[in-house]
Amino acid sequence: MPGYVIHLAEAELILDKMRKLRQIDDAFEQAFLTGTLLPDTRLKGEKCFSHFWDPDKLECLALGPELARFTDKYGQRLNEPVMLGYLAHLHLDARYVTEYWPTVMAFYGCTGEPEYRKAHIAEVEIKRLQKCVPVSQFFSVDYYYGDYTKLNGYFIHKYHLRVPKWQSIPMSPPEEVNLQDMQMICRELDHLKKECHAGDEKRIQVFELGSLERFMAASAEKFCDSYI
């Protein structure tokens, strides 16, 4: 899934489009940015709740949120910027694994057959490099997670990312999240803004920056068309 930085960059794209459609103030923007981070306030084992995954598909690695599960429960509250931001996070995640992942990677089992179950994936094809690596090596700082780290500085500076002032926002968050963990997320984002610099994106291996940005722009456009 995209990390905090990519979600905030996507949020800025959406807010930019919203400003052209109607007047929104800083309080709205701060609440929307907060909402885009809320699904990640759950620890890894609990993200199935905060990301509204289908409990019958948890064995799959490429598992995106079921948007209908969220809108069925909270659709009447999408006039609240926090809830709209929350949905924006889920929307990007859902499209990320179903539409973007297949363009940059493919998963295979021990005998070379396509495989989507986490426990049975043996290797990952990195399409950009035209090579396969063991799955344990792929999801590491050497490739997948390392690329996110290298991209942080680029997105932070290009999209002028803001860490939301969430503590001053009156809100009633979804019961699926742990609001206390927002402090940890925002502290990490503050650290990244100070320490990350543009330039490292030239060394990414899994992703291709141009296609990733085009995907993010298209996702922001689709979100606005569907929910704004």
C-alpha atoms as a PDB file:
ATOM      1  CA  MET A   1       0.000   0.000   0.000  1.00  0.00           C
ATOM      2  CA  PRO A   2       1.108   3.620  -0.401  1.00  0.00           C
ATOM      3  CA  GLY A   3       2.788   5.153   2.631  1.00  0.00           C
ATOM      4  CA  TYR A   4       1.844   8.307   4.521  1.00  0.00           C
ATOM      5  CA  VAL A   5       3.704  10.584   2.115  1.00  0.00           C
ATOM      6  CA  ILE A   6       2.011   9.308  -1.026  1.00  0.00           C
ATOM      7  CA  HIS A   7      -1.397   9.530   0.656  1.00  0.00           C
ATOM      8  CA  LEU A   8      -0.760  13.163   1.621  1.00  0.00           C
ATOM      9  CA  ALA A   9       0.448  13.951  -1.909  1.00  0.00           C
ATOM     10  CA  GLU A  10      -2.736  12.429  -3.326  1.00  0.00           C
ATOM     11  CA  ALA A  11      -4.757  14.436  -0.802  1.00  0.00           C
ATOM     12  CA  GLU A  12      -3.141  17.662  -2.023  1.00  0.00           C
ATOM     13  CA  LEU A  13      -4.086  16.747  -5.604  1.00  0.00           C
ATOM     14  CA  ILE A  14      -7.692  16.213  -4.545  1.00  0.00           C
ATOM     15  CA  LEU A  15      -7.806  19.452  -2.547  1.00  0.00           C
ATOM     16  CA  ASP A  16      -6.434  21.353  -5.515  1.00  0.00           C
ATOM     17  CA  LYS A  17      -9.265  20.028  -7.667  1.00  0.00           C
ATOM     18  CA  MET A  18     -11.833  20.764  -4.970  1.00  0.00           C
ATOM     19  CA  ARG A  19     -10.746  24.413  -4.727  1.00  0.00           C
ATOM     20  CA  LYS A  20     -11.686  24.807  -8.383  1.00  0.00           C
ATOM     21  CA  LEU A  21     -15.168  23.420  -7.726  1.00  0.00           C
ATOM     22  CA  ARG A  22     -16.137  25.162  -4.500  1.00  0.00           C
ATOM     23  CA  GLN A  23     -14.798  27.286  -1.699  1.00  0.00           C
ATOM     24  CA  ILE A  24     -13.050  25.378   1.085  1.00  0.00           C
ATOM     25  CA  ASP A  25     -11.240  26.852   4.069  1.00  0.00           C
ATOM     26  CA  ASP A  26      -8.143  25.806   6.001  1.00  0.00           C
ATOM     27  CA  ALA A  27     -10.215  23.990   8.627  1.00  0.00           C
ATOM     28  CA  PHE A  28     -11.753  21.820   5.903  1.00  0.00           C
ATOM     29  CA  GLU A  29      -8.335  21.083   4.417  1.00  0.00           C
ATOM     30  CA  GLN A  30      -6.787  20.203   7.778  1.00  0.00           C
ATOM     31  CA  ALA A  31      -9.667  17.826   8.547  1.00  0.00           C
ATOM     32  CA  PHE A  32      -9.453  16.228   5.093  1.00  0.00           C
ATOM     33  CA  LEU A  33      -5.699  15.681   5.447  1.00  0.00           C
ATOM     34  CA  THR A  34      -6.292  14.132   8.863  1.00  0.00           C
ATOM     35  CA  GLY A  35      -8.840  11.756   7.401  1.00  0.00           C
ATOM     36  CA  THR A  36      -6.412  10.546   4.760  1.00  0.00           C
ATOM     37  CA  LEU A  37      -4.076   9.336   7.519  1.00  0.00           C
ATOM     38  CA  LEU A  38      -6.611   7.795   9.886  1.00  0.00           C
ATOM     39  CA  PRO A  39      -6.811   4.312   8.281  1.00  0.00           C
ATOM     40  CA  ASP A  40      -3.116   3.794   9.050  1.00  0.00           C
ATOM     41  CA  THR A  41      -3.540   4.394  12.777  1.00  0.00           C
ATOM     42  CA  ARG A  42      -4.093   0.674  13.219  1.00  0.00           C
ATOM     43  CA  LEU A  43      -1.200  -1.729  13.592  1.00  0.00           C
ATOM     44  CA  LYS A  44      -0.518  -4.152  10.768  1.00  0.00           C
ATOM     45  CA  GLY A  45      -2.600  -6.988  12.183  1.00  0.00           C
ATOM     46  CA  GLU A  46      -5.591  -4.715  12.721  1.00  0.00           C
ATOM     47  CA  LYS A  47      -5.596  -2.967   9.357  1.00  0.00           C
ATOM     48  CA  CYS A  48      -8.223  -5.376   8.108  1.00  0.00           C
ATOM     49  CA  PHE A  49     -10.700  -3.364  10.194  1.00  0.00           C
ATOM     50  CA  SER A  50      -9.524   0.164   9.449  1.00  0.00           C
ATOM     51  CA  HIS A  51      -9.111  -0.616   5.725  1.00  0.00           C
ATOM     52  CA  PHE A  52     -12.430  -2.426   5.339  1.00  0.00           C
ATOM     53  CA  TRP A  53     -10.920  -5.506   3.767  1.00  0.00           C
ATOM     54  CA  ASP A  54     -13.156  -8.432   2.882  1.00  0.00           C
ATOM     55  CA  PRO A  55     -12.577 -10.946   5.733  1.00  0.00           C
ATOM     56  CA  ASP A  56     -13.008 -13.797   3.255  1.00  0.00           C
ATOM     57  CA  LYS A  57     -10.011 -12.640   1.189  1.00  0.00           C
ATOM     58  CA  LEU A  58      -7.374 -12.062   3.850  1.00  0.00           C
ATOM     59  CA  GLU A  59      -5.115 -14.758   2.394  1.00  0.00           C
ATOM     60  CA  CYS A  60      -4.531 -12.557  -0.671  1.00  0.00           C
ATOM     61  CA  LEU A  61      -1.520 -10.267  -0.789  1.00  0.00           C
ATOM     62  CA  ALA A  62      -2.979  -7.791  -3.286  1.00  0.00           C
ATOM     63  CA  LEU A  63      -5.982  -6.959  -1.150  1.00  0.00           C
ATOM     64  CA  GLY A  64      -7.562  -3.526  -1.396  1.00  0.00           C
ATOM     65  CA  PRO A  65     -10.346  -1.982   0.673  1.00  0.00           C
ATOM     66  CA  GLU A  66     -13.943  -2.804  -0.152  1.00  0.00           C
ATOM     67  CA  LEU A  67     -15.255   0.730  -0.637  1.00  0.00           C
ATOM     68  CA  ALA A  68     -18.872  -0.392  -0.385  1.00  0.00           C
ATOM     69  CA  ARG A  69     -18.222  -1.712   3.115  1.00  0.00           C
ATOM     70  CA  PHE A  70     -17.189   1.810   4.142  1.00  0.00           C
ATOM     71  CA  THR A  71     -19.889   3.725   2.261  1.00  0.00           C
ATOM     72  CA  ASP A  72     -22.634   1.369   3.466  1.00  0.00           C
ATOM     73  CA  LYS A  73     -21.670   2.231   7.027  1.00  0.00           C
ATOM     74  CA  TYR A  74     -20.528   5.849   6.759  1.00  0.00           C
ATOM     75  CA  GLY A  75     -21.852   7.115   3.422  1.00  0.00           C
ATOM     76  CA  GLN A  76     -24.241   9.517   5.127  1.00  0.00           C
ATOM     77  CA  ARG A  77     -21.276  11.273   6.744  1.00  0.00           C
ATOM     78  CA  LEU A  78     -19.277  12.091   3.608  1.00  0.00           C
ATOM     79  CA  ASN A  79     -20.189  15.750   4.088  1.00  0.00           C
ATOM     80  CA  GLU A  80     -17.639  15.656   6.938  1.00  0.00           C
ATOM     81  CA  PRO A  81     -14.145  16.395   5.579  1.00  0.00           C
ATOM     82  CA  VAL A  82     -12.540  13.846   7.921  1.00  0.00           C
ATOM     83  CA  MET A  83     -14.737  11.071   6.550  1.00  0.00           C
ATOM     84  CA  LEU A  84     -14.213  12.222   2.971  1.00  0.00           C
ATOM     85  CA  GLY A  85     -10.457  12.111   3.549  1.00  0.00           C
ATOM     86  CA  TYR A  86     -10.778   8.630   5.022  1.00  0.00           C
ATOM     87  CA  LEU A  87     -12.582   7.483   1.894  1.00  0.00           C
ATOM     88  CA  ALA A  88      -9.884   9.087  -0.273  1.00  0.00           C
ATOM     89  CA  HIS A  89      -7.290   6.913   1.481  1.00  0.00           C
ATOM     90  CA  LEU A  90      -9.315   3.750   0.880  1.00  0.00           C
ATOM     91  CA  HIS A  91     -10.002   4.746  -2.720  1.00  0.00           C
ATOM     92  CA  LEU A  92      -6.306   5.146  -3.495  1.00  0.00           C
ATOM     93  CA  ASP A  93      -5.421   1.863  -1.787  1.00  0.00           C
ATOM     94  CA  ALA A  94      -8.102  -0.023  -3.708  1.00  0.00           C
ATOM     95  CA  ARG A  95      -6.921   1.273  -7.081  1.00  0.00           C
ATOM     96  CA  TYR A  96      -3.261   0.885  -6.127  1.00  0.00           C
ATOM     97  CA  VAL A  97      -3.329  -2.889  -5.731  1.00  0.00           C
ATOM     98  CA  THR A  98      -5.769  -3.619  -8.560  1.00  0.00           C
ATOM     99  CA  GLU A  99      -4.567  -1.158 -11.200  1.00  0.00           C
ATOM    100  CA  TYR A 100      -1.055   0.069 -10.385  1.00  0.00           C
ATOM    101  CA  TRP A 101       0.650  -2.968  -8.848  1.00  0.00           C
ATOM    102  CA  PRO A 102       0.119  -5.161 -11.959  1.00  0.00           C
ATOM    103  CA  THR A 103       2.005  -2.607 -14.059  1.00  0.00           C
ATOM    104  CA  VAL A 104       5.170  -2.840 -11.953  1.00  0.00           C
ATOM    105  CA  MET A 105       5.217  -6.304 -10.398  1.00  0.00           C
ATOM    106  CA  ALA A 106       3.884  -9.849 -10.654  1.00  0.00           C
ATOM    107  CA  PHE A 107       3.757 -12.649  -8.074  1.00  0.00           C
ATOM    108  CA  TYR A 108       4.638 -16.306  -8.643  1.00  0.00           C
ATOM    109  CA  GLY A 109       4.552 -19.546  -6.688  1.00  0.00           C
ATOM    110  CA  CYS A 110       7.278 -22.161  -6.281  1.00  0.00           C
ATOM    111  CA  THR A 111       6.665 -23.707  -9.692  1.00  0.00           C
ATOM    112  CA  GLY A 112       6.459 -20.401 -11.561  1.00  0.00           C
ATOM    113  CA  GLU A 113       2.694 -20.148 -11.720  1.00  0.00           C
ATOM    114  CA  PRO A 114       0.930 -16.825 -10.965  1.00  0.00           C
ATOM    115  CA  GLU A 115       0.127 -16.736  -7.260  1.00  0.00           C
ATOM    116  CA  TYR A 116      -1.814 -14.218  -5.129  1.00  0.00           C
ATOM    117  CA  ARG A 117      -2.001 -15.946  -1.748  1.00  0.00           C
ATOM    118  CA  LYS A 118       0.538 -14.459   0.665  1.00  0.00           C
ATOM    119  CA  ALA A 119       1.616 -17.762   2.134  1.00  0.00           C
ATOM    120  CA  HIS A 120       2.290 -19.310  -1.283  1.00  0.00           C
ATOM    121  CA  ILE A 121       4.171 -16.540  -3.102  1.00  0.00           C
ATOM    122  CA  ALA A 122       7.802 -17.501  -3.704  1.00  0.00           C
ATOM    123  CA  GLU A 123       9.126 -14.718  -5.902  1.00  0.00           C
ATOM    124  CA  VAL A 124       8.229 -11.346  -7.361  1.00  0.00           C
ATOM    125  CA  GLU A 125       8.909 -10.151 -10.876  1.00  0.00           C
ATOM    126  CA  ILE A 126      10.115  -6.539 -11.000  1.00  0.00           C
ATOM    127  CA  LYS A 127       8.952  -5.543 -14.457  1.00  0.00           C
ATOM    128  CA  ARG A 128      11.142  -2.477 -14.693  1.00  0.00           C
ATOM    129  CA  LEU A 129      14.277  -4.531 -14.067  1.00  0.00           C
ATOM    130  CA  GLN A 130      12.995  -7.602 -15.943  1.00  0.00           C
ATOM    131  CA  LYS A 131      14.035  -9.920 -13.154  1.00  0.00           C
ATOM    132  CA  CYS A 132      12.558 -11.959 -10.313  1.00  0.00           C
ATOM    133  CA  VAL A 133      13.639 -11.828  -6.665  1.00  0.00           C
ATOM    134  CA  PRO A 134      12.546 -13.861  -3.612  1.00  0.00           C
ATOM    135  CA  VAL A 135       9.462 -12.373  -2.006  1.00  0.00           C
ATOM    136  CA  SER A 136      11.282 -11.798   1.292  1.00  0.00           C
ATOM    137  CA  GLN A 137      13.943  -9.788  -0.515  1.00  0.00           C
ATOM    138  CA  PHE A 138      11.393  -7.830  -2.533  1.00  0.00           C
ATOM    139  CA  PHE A 139       9.490  -6.502   0.502  1.00  0.00           C
ATOM    140  CA  SER A 140      12.580  -4.984   2.084  1.00  0.00           C
ATOM    141  CA  VAL A 141      14.722  -1.858   1.974  1.00  0.00           C
ATOM    142  CA  ASP A 142      16.499  -3.367  -1.034  1.00  0.00           C
ATOM    143  CA  TYR A 143      13.466  -2.938  -3.290  1.00  0.00           C
ATOM    144  CA  TYR A 144       9.848  -2.135  -2.418  1.00  0.00           C
ATOM    145  CA  TYR A 145      10.169  -0.355   0.943  1.00  0.00           C
ATOM    146  CA  GLY A 146      13.467   1.161  -0.064  1.00  0.00           C
ATOM    147  CA  ASP A 147      11.794   2.796  -3.058  1.00  0.00           C
ATOM    148  CA  TYR A 148       9.235   4.442  -0.769  1.00  0.00           C
ATOM    149  CA  THR A 149      12.048   5.882   1.327  1.00  0.00           C
ATOM    150  CA  LYS A 150      13.804   7.222  -1.773  1.00  0.00           C
ATOM    151  CA  LEU A 151      10.564   8.801  -3.039  1.00  0.00           C
ATOM    152  CA  ASN A 152       9.678  10.605   0.196  1.00  0.00           C
ATOM    153  CA  GLY A 153      11.814  13.683  -0.360  1.00  0.00           C
ATOM    154  CA  TYR A 154      10.545  14.149  -3.911  1.00  0.00           C
ATOM    155  CA  PHE A 155       6.871  14.032  -2.938  1.00  0.00           C
ATOM    156  CA  ILE A 156       7.322  16.123   0.211  1.00  0.00           C
ATOM    157  CA  HIS A 157       8.909  18.976  -1.704  1.00  0.00           C
ATOM    158  CA  LYS A 158       7.020  18.827  -4.995  1.00  0.00           C
ATOM    159  CA  TYR A 159       3.575  18.632  -3.402  1.00  0.00           C
ATOM    160  CA  HIS A 160       4.386  20.947  -0.466  1.00  0.00           C
ATOM    161  CA  LEU A 161       3.101  18.370   1.980  1.00  0.00           C
ATOM    162  CA  ARG A 162       1.512  19.535   5.213  1.00  0.00           C
ATOM    163  CA  VAL A 163       1.316  17.583   8.451  1.00  0.00           C
ATOM    164  CA  PRO A 164      -2.275  18.120   9.620  1.00  0.00           C
ATOM    165  CA  LYS A 165      -2.970  19.917  12.900  1.00  0.00           C
ATOM    166  CA  TRP A 166      -5.282  17.086  13.875  1.00  0.00           C
ATOM    167  CA  GLN A 167      -5.495  17.838  17.607  1.00  0.00           C
ATOM    168  CA  SER A 168      -7.429  21.059  16.968  1.00  0.00           C
ATOM    169  CA  ILE A 169     -10.027  19.414  14.725  1.00  0.00           C
ATOM    170  CA  PRO A 170     -13.431  18.583  16.247  1.00  0.00           C
ATOM    171  CA  MET A 171     -14.361  15.183  14.886  1.00  0.00           C
ATOM    172  CA  SER A 172     -15.979  11.869  15.575  1.00  0.00           C
ATOM    173  CA  PRO A 173     -13.677   9.402  13.784  1.00  0.00           C
ATOM    174  CA  PRO A 174     -14.787   5.957  12.600  1.00  0.00           C
ATOM    175  CA  GLU A 175     -14.794   3.360  15.344  1.00  0.00           C
ATOM    176  CA  GLU A 176     -12.326   1.287  13.295  1.00  0.00           C
ATOM    177  CA  VAL A 177      -9.377   3.602  14.008  1.00  0.00           C
ATOM    178  CA  ASN A 178      -7.141   4.409  16.955  1.00  0.00           C
ATOM    179  CA  LEU A 179      -6.952   8.202  17.087  1.00  0.00           C
ATOM    180  CA  GLN A 180      -4.141   8.156  19.652  1.00  0.00           C
ATOM    181  CA  ASP A 181      -1.748   6.769  17.033  1.00  0.00           C
ATOM    182  CA  MET A 182      -2.100   9.948  14.970  1.00  0.00           C
ATOM    183  CA  GLN A 183       0.545  11.479  17.219  1.00  0.00           C
ATOM    184  CA  MET A 184       3.037   8.811  16.168  1.00  0.00           C
ATOM    185  CA  ILE A 185       2.206   9.226  12.464  1.00  0.00           C
ATOM    186  CA  CYS A 186       2.507  13.015  12.559  1.00  0.00           C
ATOM    187  CA  ARG A 187       5.759  12.824  14.505  1.00  0.00           C
ATOM    188  CA  GLU A 188       7.189  10.543  11.819  1.00  0.00           C
ATOM    189  CA  LEU A 189       5.986  12.900   9.090  1.00  0.00           C
ATOM    190  CA  ASP A 190       7.590  15.871  10.833  1.00  0.00           C
ATOM    191  CA  HIS A 191      10.843  13.918  10.924  1.00  0.00           C
ATOM    192  CA  LEU A 192      10.592  13.026   7.222  1.00  0.00           C
ATOM    193  CA  LYS A 193       9.967  16.655   6.270  1.00  0.00           C
ATOM    194  CA  LYS A 194      13.165  17.668   8.046  1.00  0.00           C
ATOM    195  CA  GLU A 195      15.383  14.799   6.943  1.00  0.00           C
ATOM    196  CA  CYS A 196      14.282  13.840   3.423  1.00  0.00           C
ATOM    197  CA  HIS A 197      15.636  15.619   0.379  1.00  0.00           C
ATOM    198  CA  ALA A 198      14.777  15.411  -3.292  1.00  0.00           C
ATOM    199  CA  GLY A 199      17.200  13.502  -5.502  1.00  0.00           C
ATOM    200  CA  ASP A 200      16.995  10.001  -4.047  1.00  0.00           C
ATOM    201  CA  GLU A 201      14.061   9.253  -6.377  1.00  0.00           C
ATOM    202  CA  LYS A 202      16.608   8.793  -9.177  1.00  0.00           C
ATOM    203  CA  ARG A 203      17.698   5.527  -7.539  1.00  0.00           C
ATOM    204  CA  ILE A 204      14.320   3.762  -7.297  1.00  0.00           C
ATOM    205  CA  GLN A 205      14.148   0.259  -8.753  1.00  0.00           C
ATOM    206  CA  VAL A 206      10.599  -1.084  -8.519  1.00  0.00           C
ATOM    207  CA  PHE A 207       8.515   1.955  -9.377  1.00  0.00           C
ATOM    208  CA  GLU A 208       8.716   4.343 -12.309  1.00  0.00           C
ATOM    209  CA  LEU A 209       8.148   7.901 -11.117  1.00  0.00           C
ATOM    210  CA  GLY A 210       6.308   9.204 -14.168  1.00  0.00           C
ATOM    211  CA  SER A 211       3.791   6.365 -14.256  1.00  0.00           C
ATOM    212  CA  LEU A 212       3.258   6.586 -10.487  1.00  0.00           C
ATOM    213  CA  GLU A 213       2.459  10.297 -10.674  1.00  0.00           C
ATOM    214  CA  ARG A 214       0.141   9.770 -13.630  1.00  0.00           C
ATOM    215  CA  PHE A 215      -1.645   7.062 -11.674  1.00  0.00           C
ATOM    216  CA  MET A 216      -2.011   9.361  -8.645  1.00  0.00           C
ATOM    217  CA  ALA A 217      -3.383  12.184 -10.808  1.00  0.00           C
ATOM    218  CA  ALA A 218      -5.881   9.847 -12.461  1.00  0.00           C
ATOM    219  CA  SER A 219      -6.954   8.493  -9.067  1.00  0.00           C
ATOM    220  CA  ALA A 220      -7.506  12.013  -7.725  1.00  0.00           C
ATOM    221  CA  GLU A 221      -9.577  12.850 -10.799  1.00  0.00           C
ATOM    222  CA  LYS A 222     -11.665   9.704 -10.444  1.00  0.00           C
ATOM    223  CA  PHE A 223     -12.227  10.326  -6.732  1.00  0.00           C
ATOM    224  CA  CYS A 224     -13.478  13.848  -7.387  1.00  0.00           C
ATOM    225  CA  ASP A 225     -15.741  12.662 -10.195  1.00  0.00           C
ATOM    226  CA  SER A 226     -17.232   9.983  -7.935  1.00  0.00           C
ATOM    227  CA  TYR A 227     -17.554  11.711  -4.570  1.00  0.00           C
ATOM    228  CA  ILE A 228     -17.212  15.499  -4.849  1.00  0.00           C
END
